[in-house]
Amino acid sequence: LTANTPDSILNRPVHTSAYVPTIAAGAKSVA
Protein backbone atom coordinates (compact mmCIF):
# COMPACT_ATOMS: atom_id res chain seq x y z
CA LEU A 1 0.00 0.00 0.00
CA THR A 2 3.02 2.30 0.28
CA ALA A 3 5.53 3.42 -2.35
CA ASN A 4 8.71 1.43 -3.00
CA THR A 5 7.55 -1.56 -0.97
CA PRO A 6 6.88 -4.94 -2.57
CA ASP A 7 3.82 -7.14 -2.16
CA SER A 8 4.08 -9.81 0.53
CA ILE A 9 3.39 -13.45 1.35
CA LEU A 10 3.42 -14.45 5.03
CA ASN A 11 4.67 -10.92 5.78
CA ARG A 12 7.80 -11.43 3.67
CA PRO A 13 8.45 -9.41 0.48
CA VAL A 14 7.60 -10.93 -2.91
CA HIS A 15 9.64 -10.17 -6.03
CA THR A 16 8.88 -11.43 -9.51
CA SER A 17 11.04 -12.16 -12.53
CA ALA A 18 10.29 -13.47 -15.98
CA TYR A 19 13.37 -15.68 -15.68
CA VAL A 20 12.12 -17.73 -12.72
CA PRO A 21 10.71 -21.05 -14.02
CA THR A 22 6.92 -21.29 -14.17
CA ILE A 23 4.90 -24.08 -12.54
CA ALA A 24 5.58 -27.25 -14.53
CA ALA A 25 6.51 -30.87 -13.90
CA GLY A 26 9.87 -31.04 -12.11
CA ALA A 27 10.39 -27.26 -12.22
CA LYS A 28 11.72 -25.24 -9.30
CA SER A 29 9.05 -22.57 -9.25
CA VAL A 30 9.54 -20.61 -5.99
CA ALA A 31 12.64 -19.48 -4.10
Full PDB file with SEQRES, HELIX, SHEET, SSBOND, CRYST1, ORIGX, SCALE, CONECT and MASTER records, all heavy atoms in Angstrom:
SEQRES   1 A   31  LEU THR ALA ASN THR PRO ASP SER ILE LEU ASN ARG PRO          
SEQRES   2 A   31  VAL HIS THR SER ALA TYR VAL PRO THR ILE ALA ALA GLY          
SEQRES   3 A   31  ALA LYS SER VAL ALA                                          
SHEET    1 AA1 2 SER A   8  ILE A   9  0                                        
SHEET    2 AA1 2 ARG A  12  PRO A  13 -1                                        
CRYST1    1.000    1.000    1.000  90.00  90.00  90.00 P 1           1          
ORIGX1      1.000000  0.000000  0.000000        0.00000                         
ORIGX2      0.000000  1.000000  0.000000        0.00000                         
ORIGX3      0.000000  0.000000  1.000000        0.00000                         
SCALE1      1.000000  0.000000  0.000000        0.00000                         
SCALE2      0.000000  1.000000  0.000000        0.00000                         
SCALE3      0.000000  0.000000  1.000000        0.00000                         
ATOM      1  N   LEU A   1       0.814  -1.219   0.000  1.00  0.00           N  
ATOM      2  CA  LEU A   1       0.000   0.000   0.000  1.00  0.00           C  
ATOM      3  C   LEU A   1       0.845   1.266   0.000  1.00  0.00           C  
ATOM      4  O   LEU A   1       0.320   2.365  -0.184  1.00  0.00           O  
ATOM      5  CB  LEU A   1      -0.930   0.009   1.222  1.00  0.00           C  
ATOM      6  CG  LEU A   1      -1.976  -1.114   1.283  1.00  0.00           C  
ATOM      7  CD1 LEU A   1      -2.768  -1.030   2.572  1.00  0.00           C  
ATOM      8  CD2 LEU A   1      -2.910  -1.040   0.081  1.00  0.00           C  
ATOM      9  N   THR A   2       2.140   1.128   0.247  1.00  0.00           N  
ATOM     10  CA  THR A   2       3.023   2.297   0.276  1.00  0.00           C  
ATOM     11  C   THR A   2       4.054   2.207  -0.835  1.00  0.00           C  
ATOM     12  O   THR A   2       4.381   1.119  -1.322  1.00  0.00           O  
ATOM     13  CB  THR A   2       3.744   2.406   1.626  1.00  0.00           C  
ATOM     14  OG1 THR A   2       4.472   1.195   1.879  1.00  0.00           O  
ATOM     15  CG2 THR A   2       2.753   2.647   2.752  1.00  0.00           C  
ATOM     16  N   ALA A   3       4.586   3.357  -1.241  1.00  0.00           N  
ATOM     17  CA  ALA A   3       5.531   3.424  -2.353  1.00  0.00           C  
ATOM     18  C   ALA A   3       6.828   2.695  -2.035  1.00  0.00           C  
ATOM     19  O   ALA A   3       7.283   2.662  -0.882  1.00  0.00           O  
ATOM     20  CB  ALA A   3       5.827   4.885  -2.695  1.00  0.00           C  
ATOM     21  N   ASN A   4       7.400   2.099  -3.074  1.00  0.00           N  
ATOM     22  CA  ASN A   4       8.709   1.432  -3.004  1.00  0.00           C  
ATOM     23  C   ASN A   4       8.740   0.264  -2.019  1.00  0.00           C  
ATOM     24  O   ASN A   4       9.789  -0.071  -1.467  1.00  0.00           O  
ATOM     25  CB  ASN A   4       9.812   2.432  -2.647  1.00  0.00           C  
ATOM     26  CG  ASN A   4       9.958   3.513  -3.700  1.00  0.00           C  
ATOM     27  OD1 ASN A   4       9.975   3.237  -4.898  1.00  0.00           O  
ATOM     28  ND2 ASN A   4      10.048   4.758  -3.258  1.00  0.00           N  
ATOM     29  N   THR A   5       7.589  -0.339  -1.775  1.00  0.00           N  
ATOM     30  CA  THR A   5       7.549  -1.558  -0.967  1.00  0.00           C  
ATOM     31  C   THR A   5       6.882  -2.658  -1.785  1.00  0.00           C  
ATOM     32  O   THR A   5       5.870  -2.412  -2.444  1.00  0.00           O  
ATOM     33  CB  THR A   5       6.760  -1.361   0.345  1.00  0.00           C  
ATOM     34  OG1 THR A   5       5.449  -0.893   0.032  1.00  0.00           O  
ATOM     35  CG2 THR A   5       7.441  -0.365   1.261  1.00  0.00           C  
ATOM     36  N   PRO A   6       7.443  -3.854  -1.762  1.00  0.00           N  
ATOM     37  CA  PRO A   6       6.882  -4.945  -2.572  1.00  0.00           C  
ATOM     38  C   PRO A   6       5.646  -5.562  -1.920  1.00  0.00           C  
ATOM     39  O   PRO A   6       5.367  -5.336  -0.737  1.00  0.00           O  
ATOM     40  CB  PRO A   6       8.037  -5.950  -2.631  1.00  0.00           C  
ATOM     41  CG  PRO A   6       8.811  -5.719  -1.372  1.00  0.00           C  
ATOM     42  CD  PRO A   6       8.683  -4.253  -1.067  1.00  0.00           C  
ATOM     43  N   ASP A   7       4.914  -6.348  -2.712  1.00  0.00           N  
ATOM     44  CA  ASP A   7       3.816  -7.140  -2.160  1.00  0.00           C  
ATOM     45  C   ASP A   7       4.408  -8.183  -1.214  1.00  0.00           C  
ATOM     46  O   ASP A   7       5.634  -8.375  -1.157  1.00  0.00           O  
ATOM     47  CB  ASP A   7       3.055  -7.822  -3.290  1.00  0.00           C  
ATOM     48  CG  ASP A   7       2.540  -6.819  -4.319  1.00  0.00           C  
ATOM     49  OD1 ASP A   7       2.156  -5.711  -3.914  1.00  0.00           O  
ATOM     50  OD2 ASP A   7       2.552  -7.140  -5.527  1.00  0.00           O  
ATOM     51  N   SER A   8       3.547  -8.872  -0.464  1.00  0.00           N  
ATOM     52  CA  SER A   8       4.084  -9.806   0.531  1.00  0.00           C  
ATOM     53  C   SER A   8       3.287 -11.108   0.584  1.00  0.00           C  
ATOM     54  O   SER A   8       2.105 -11.154   0.243  1.00  0.00           O  
ATOM     55  CB  SER A   8       4.093  -9.160   1.923  1.00  0.00           C  
ATOM     56  OG  SER A   8       2.771  -8.865   2.343  1.00  0.00           O  
ATOM     57  N   ILE A   9       3.978 -12.157   1.025  1.00  0.00           N  
ATOM     58  CA  ILE A   9       3.386 -13.447   1.354  1.00  0.00           C  
ATOM     59  C   ILE A   9       3.926 -13.838   2.718  1.00  0.00           C  
ATOM     60  O   ILE A   9       5.152 -13.829   2.934  1.00  0.00           O  
ATOM     61  CB  ILE A   9       3.749 -14.526   0.307  1.00  0.00           C  
ATOM     62  CG1 ILE A   9       3.092 -14.223  -1.043  1.00  0.00           C  
ATOM     63  CG2 ILE A   9       3.336 -15.912   0.795  1.00  0.00           C  
ATOM     64  CD1 ILE A   9       3.482 -15.191  -2.149  1.00  0.00           C  
ATOM     65  N   LEU A  10       3.037 -14.121   3.661  1.00  0.00           N  
ATOM     66  CA  LEU A  10       3.425 -14.453   5.032  1.00  0.00           C  
ATOM     67  C   LEU A  10       4.304 -13.350   5.628  1.00  0.00           C  
ATOM     68  O   LEU A  10       5.285 -13.617   6.331  1.00  0.00           O  
ATOM     69  CB  LEU A  10       4.148 -15.808   5.077  1.00  0.00           C  
ATOM     70  CG  LEU A  10       3.337 -17.009   4.576  1.00  0.00           C  
ATOM     71  CD1 LEU A  10       4.193 -18.268   4.545  1.00  0.00           C  
ATOM     72  CD2 LEU A  10       2.109 -17.220   5.459  1.00  0.00           C  
ATOM     73  N   ASN A  11       3.965 -12.112   5.294  1.00  0.00           N  
ATOM     74  CA  ASN A  11       4.673 -10.921   5.778  1.00  0.00           C  
ATOM     75  C   ASN A  11       6.115 -10.816   5.310  1.00  0.00           C  
ATOM     76  O   ASN A  11       6.902 -10.065   5.887  1.00  0.00           O  
ATOM     77  CB  ASN A  11       4.634 -10.864   7.320  1.00  0.00           C  
ATOM     78  CG  ASN A  11       3.228 -10.630   7.850  1.00  0.00           C  
ATOM     79  OD1 ASN A  11       2.463  -9.847   7.283  1.00  0.00           O  
ATOM     80  ND2 ASN A  11       2.873 -11.328   8.918  1.00  0.00           N  
ATOM     81  N   ARG A  12       6.476 -11.560   4.264  1.00  0.00           N  
ATOM     82  CA  ARG A  12       7.804 -11.430   3.670  1.00  0.00           C  
ATOM     83  C   ARG A  12       7.653 -10.901   2.243  1.00  0.00           C  
ATOM     84  O   ARG A  12       6.696 -11.259   1.532  1.00  0.00           O  
ATOM     85  CB  ARG A  12       8.556 -12.767   3.645  1.00  0.00           C  
ATOM     86  CG  ARG A  12       8.798 -13.411   5.008  1.00  0.00           C  
ATOM     87  CD  ARG A  12       9.425 -12.448   6.005  1.00  0.00           C  
ATOM     88  NE  ARG A  12      10.638 -11.804   5.492  1.00  0.00           N  
ATOM     89  CZ  ARG A  12      11.110 -10.641   5.949  1.00  0.00           C  
ATOM     90  NH1 ARG A  12      10.460  -9.980   6.871  1.00  0.00           N  
ATOM     91  NH2 ARG A  12      12.213 -10.140   5.435  1.00  0.00           N  
ATOM     92  N   PRO A  13       8.574 -10.023   1.804  1.00  0.00           N  
ATOM     93  CA  PRO A  13       8.449  -9.406   0.477  1.00  0.00           C  
ATOM     94  C   PRO A  13       8.422 -10.429  -0.660  1.00  0.00           C  
ATOM     95  O   PRO A  13       9.054 -11.482  -0.579  1.00  0.00           O  
ATOM     96  CB  PRO A  13       9.704  -8.523   0.385  1.00  0.00           C  
ATOM     97  CG  PRO A  13      10.126  -8.301   1.802  1.00  0.00           C  
ATOM     98  CD  PRO A  13       9.748  -9.547   2.539  1.00  0.00           C  
ATOM     99  N   VAL A  14       7.684 -10.091  -1.710  1.00  0.00           N  
ATOM    100  CA  VAL A  14       7.598 -10.933  -2.913  1.00  0.00           C  
ATOM    101  C   VAL A  14       8.152 -10.154  -4.103  1.00  0.00           C  
ATOM    102  O   VAL A  14       7.734  -9.032  -4.363  1.00  0.00           O  
ATOM    103  CB  VAL A  14       6.146 -11.348  -3.215  1.00  0.00           C  
ATOM    104  CG1 VAL A  14       6.095 -12.219  -4.468  1.00  0.00           C  
ATOM    105  CG2 VAL A  14       5.549 -12.087  -2.041  1.00  0.00           C  
ATOM    106  N   HIS A  15       9.092 -10.755  -4.814  1.00  0.00           N  
ATOM    107  CA  HIS A  15       9.642 -10.166  -6.032  1.00  0.00           C  
ATOM    108  C   HIS A  15       9.387 -11.135  -7.185  1.00  0.00           C  
ATOM    109  O   HIS A  15       9.403 -12.357  -6.996  1.00  0.00           O  
ATOM    110  CB  HIS A  15      11.144  -9.915  -5.889  1.00  0.00           C  
ATOM    111  CG  HIS A  15      11.483  -8.941  -4.798  1.00  0.00           C  
ATOM    112  ND1 HIS A  15      11.494  -7.581  -4.989  1.00  0.00           N  
ATOM    113  CD2 HIS A  15      11.800  -9.142  -3.487  1.00  0.00           C  
ATOM    114  CE1 HIS A  15      11.819  -6.982  -3.857  1.00  0.00           C  
ATOM    115  NE2 HIS A  15      12.006  -7.901  -2.933  1.00  0.00           N  
ATOM    116  N   THR A  16       9.155 -10.581  -8.346  1.00  0.00           N  
ATOM    117  CA  THR A  16       8.880 -11.427  -9.511  1.00  0.00           C  
ATOM    118  C   THR A  16       9.915 -11.201 -10.601  1.00  0.00           C  
ATOM    119  O   THR A  16      10.492 -10.118 -10.717  1.00  0.00           O  
ATOM    120  CB  THR A  16       7.477 -11.151 -10.085  1.00  0.00           C  
ATOM    121  OG1 THR A  16       7.403  -9.788 -10.512  1.00  0.00           O  
ATOM    122  CG2 THR A  16       6.411 -11.429  -9.053  1.00  0.00           C  
ATOM    123  N   SER A  17      10.131 -12.241 -11.385  1.00  0.00           N  
ATOM    124  CA  SER A  17      11.044 -12.158 -12.527  1.00  0.00           C  
ATOM    125  C   SER A  17      10.559 -13.098 -13.613  1.00  0.00           C  
ATOM    126  O   SER A  17      10.102 -14.214 -13.330  1.00  0.00           O  
ATOM    127  CB  SER A  17      12.474 -12.549 -12.118  1.00  0.00           C  
ATOM    128  OG  SER A  17      13.304 -12.687 -13.262  1.00  0.00           O  
ATOM    129  N   ALA A  18      10.682 -12.640 -14.840  1.00  0.00           N  
ATOM    130  CA  ALA A  18      10.286 -13.468 -15.984  1.00  0.00           C  
ATOM    131  C   ALA A  18      11.216 -14.652 -16.159  1.00  0.00           C  
ATOM    132  O   ALA A  18      10.891 -15.593 -16.887  1.00  0.00           O  
ATOM    133  CB  ALA A  18      10.280 -12.622 -17.255  1.00  0.00           C  
ATOM    134  N   TYR A  19      12.379 -14.623 -15.489  1.00  0.00           N  
ATOM    135  CA  TYR A  19      13.374 -15.684 -15.679  1.00  0.00           C  
ATOM    136  C   TYR A  19      13.283 -16.790 -14.632  1.00  0.00           C  
ATOM    137  O   TYR A  19      14.025 -17.759 -14.697  1.00  0.00           O  
ATOM    138  CB  TYR A  19      14.784 -15.077 -15.688  1.00  0.00           C  
ATOM    139  CG  TYR A  19      14.945 -14.052 -16.787  1.00  0.00           C  
ATOM    140  CD1 TYR A  19      15.022 -12.697 -16.500  1.00  0.00           C  
ATOM    141  CD2 TYR A  19      14.954 -14.438 -18.118  1.00  0.00           C  
ATOM    142  CE1 TYR A  19      15.131 -11.756 -17.510  1.00  0.00           C  
ATOM    143  CE2 TYR A  19      15.058 -13.505 -19.136  1.00  0.00           C  
ATOM    144  CZ  TYR A  19      15.150 -12.176 -18.823  1.00  0.00           C  
ATOM    145  OH  TYR A  19      15.253 -11.244 -19.827  1.00  0.00           O  
ATOM    146  N   VAL A  20      12.376 -16.639 -13.662  1.00  0.00           N  
ATOM    147  CA  VAL A  20      12.122 -17.727 -12.720  1.00  0.00           C  
ATOM    148  C   VAL A  20      11.226 -18.743 -13.420  1.00  0.00           C  
ATOM    149  O   VAL A  20      10.231 -18.368 -14.047  1.00  0.00           O  
ATOM    150  CB  VAL A  20      11.444 -17.199 -11.444  1.00  0.00           C  
ATOM    151  CG1 VAL A  20      11.079 -18.363 -10.517  1.00  0.00           C  
ATOM    152  CG2 VAL A  20      12.351 -16.215 -10.722  1.00  0.00           C  
ATOM    153  N   PRO A  21      11.544 -20.037 -13.342  1.00  0.00           N  
ATOM    154  CA  PRO A  21      10.710 -21.047 -14.021  1.00  0.00           C  
ATOM    155  C   PRO A  21       9.252 -20.985 -13.569  1.00  0.00           C  
ATOM    156  O   PRO A  21       8.956 -20.699 -12.410  1.00  0.00           O  
ATOM    157  CB  PRO A  21      11.367 -22.371 -13.604  1.00  0.00           C  
ATOM    158  CG  PRO A  21      12.782 -22.009 -13.283  1.00  0.00           C  
ATOM    159  CD  PRO A  21      12.727 -20.632 -12.687  1.00  0.00           C  
ATOM    160  N   THR A  22       8.355 -21.247 -14.488  1.00  0.00           N  
ATOM    161  CA  THR A  22       6.920 -21.291 -14.166  1.00  0.00           C  
ATOM    162  C   THR A  22       6.569 -22.670 -13.612  1.00  0.00           C  
ATOM    163  O   THR A  22       7.377 -23.603 -13.643  1.00  0.00           O  
ATOM    164  CB  THR A  22       6.071 -21.003 -15.414  1.00  0.00           C  
ATOM    165  OG1 THR A  22       6.433 -21.936 -16.449  1.00  0.00           O  
ATOM    166  CG2 THR A  22       6.311 -19.587 -15.916  1.00  0.00           C  
ATOM    167  N   ILE A  23       5.354 -22.797 -13.095  1.00  0.00           N  
ATOM    168  CA  ILE A  23       4.896 -24.079 -12.538  1.00  0.00           C  
ATOM    169  C   ILE A  23       4.795 -25.105 -13.657  1.00  0.00           C  
ATOM    170  O   ILE A  23       4.033 -24.929 -14.610  1.00  0.00           O  
ATOM    171  CB  ILE A  23       3.540 -23.906 -11.836  1.00  0.00           C  
ATOM    172  CG1 ILE A  23       3.668 -22.955 -10.647  1.00  0.00           C  
ATOM    173  CG2 ILE A  23       2.999 -25.259 -11.375  1.00  0.00           C  
ATOM    174  CD1 ILE A  23       2.345 -22.644  -9.964  1.00  0.00           C  
ATOM    175  N   ALA A  24       5.576 -26.162 -13.541  1.00  0.00           N  
ATOM    176  CA  ALA A  24       5.580 -27.251 -14.526  1.00  0.00           C  
ATOM    177  C   ALA A  24       6.208 -28.468 -13.874  1.00  0.00           C  
ATOM    178  O   ALA A  24       6.866 -28.364 -12.829  1.00  0.00           O  
ATOM    179  CB  ALA A  24       6.354 -26.848 -15.785  1.00  0.00           C  
ATOM    180  N   ALA A  25       6.000 -29.619 -14.459  1.00  0.00           N  
ATOM    181  CA  ALA A  25       6.511 -30.868 -13.896  1.00  0.00           C  
ATOM    182  C   ALA A  25       8.023 -30.794 -13.686  1.00  0.00           C  
ATOM    183  O   ALA A  25       8.781 -30.522 -14.619  1.00  0.00           O  
ATOM    184  CB  ALA A  25       6.174 -32.034 -14.816  1.00  0.00           C  
ATOM    185  N   GLY A  26       8.446 -31.013 -12.443  1.00  0.00           N  
ATOM    186  CA  GLY A  26       9.866 -31.040 -12.110  1.00  0.00           C  
ATOM    187  C   GLY A  26      10.528 -29.681 -11.978  1.00  0.00           C  
ATOM    188  O   GLY A  26      11.708 -29.591 -11.625  1.00  0.00           O  
ATOM    189  N   ALA A  27       9.805 -28.598 -12.244  1.00  0.00           N  
ATOM    190  CA  ALA A  27      10.393 -27.257 -12.223  1.00  0.00           C  
ATOM    191  C   ALA A  27      10.534 -26.742 -10.790  1.00  0.00           C  
ATOM    192  O   ALA A  27       9.730 -27.055  -9.912  1.00  0.00           O  
ATOM    193  CB  ALA A  27       9.538 -26.288 -13.036  1.00  0.00           C  
ATOM    194  N   LYS A  28      11.561 -25.945 -10.570  1.00  0.00           N  
ATOM    195  CA  LYS A  28      11.725 -25.236  -9.301  1.00  0.00           C  
ATOM    196  C   LYS A  28      11.071 -23.872  -9.482  1.00  0.00           C  
ATOM    197  O   LYS A  28      11.619 -22.993 -10.134  1.00  0.00           O  
ATOM    198  CB  LYS A  28      13.206 -25.112  -8.958  1.00  0.00           C  
ATOM    199  CG  LYS A  28      13.882 -26.461  -8.739  1.00  0.00           C  
ATOM    200  CD  LYS A  28      15.381 -26.311  -8.527  1.00  0.00           C  
ATOM    201  CE  LYS A  28      16.035 -27.671  -8.299  1.00  0.00           C  
ATOM    202  NZ  LYS A  28      17.512 -27.568  -8.159  1.00  0.00           N  
ATOM    203  N   SER A  29       9.895 -23.709  -8.900  1.00  0.00           N  
ATOM    204  CA  SER A  29       9.046 -22.567  -9.245  1.00  0.00           C  
ATOM    205  C   SER A  29       9.071 -21.416  -8.242  1.00  0.00           C  
ATOM    206  O   SER A  29       8.660 -20.307  -8.580  1.00  0.00           O  
ATOM    207  CB  SER A  29       7.601 -23.040  -9.432  1.00  0.00           C  
ATOM    208  OG  SER A  29       7.151 -23.725  -8.266  1.00  0.00           O  
ATOM    209  N   VAL A  30       9.521 -21.659  -7.014  1.00  0.00           N  
ATOM    210  CA  VAL A  30       9.540 -20.612  -5.991  1.00  0.00           C  
ATOM    211  C   VAL A  30      10.852 -20.695  -5.210  1.00  0.00           C  
ATOM    212  O   VAL A  30      11.296 -21.788  -4.861  1.00  0.00           O  
ATOM    213  CB  VAL A  30       8.358 -20.748  -5.001  1.00  0.00           C  
ATOM    214  CG1 VAL A  30       8.384 -19.614  -3.974  1.00  0.00           C  
ATOM    215  CG2 VAL A  30       7.026 -20.764  -5.731  1.00  0.00           C  
ATOM    216  N   ALA A  31      11.453 -19.545  -4.952  1.00  0.00           N  
ATOM    217  CA  ALA A  31      12.640 -19.479  -4.103  1.00  0.00           C  
ATOM    218  C   ALA A  31      12.322 -18.607  -2.895  1.00  0.00           C  
ATOM    219  O   ALA A  31      11.629 -17.591  -3.020  1.00  0.00           O  
ATOM    220  CB  ALA A  31      13.827 -18.919  -4.870  1.00  0.00           C  
TER     221      ALA A  31                                                      
MASTER        0    0    0    0    2    0    0    6  220    1    0    3          
END                                                                             
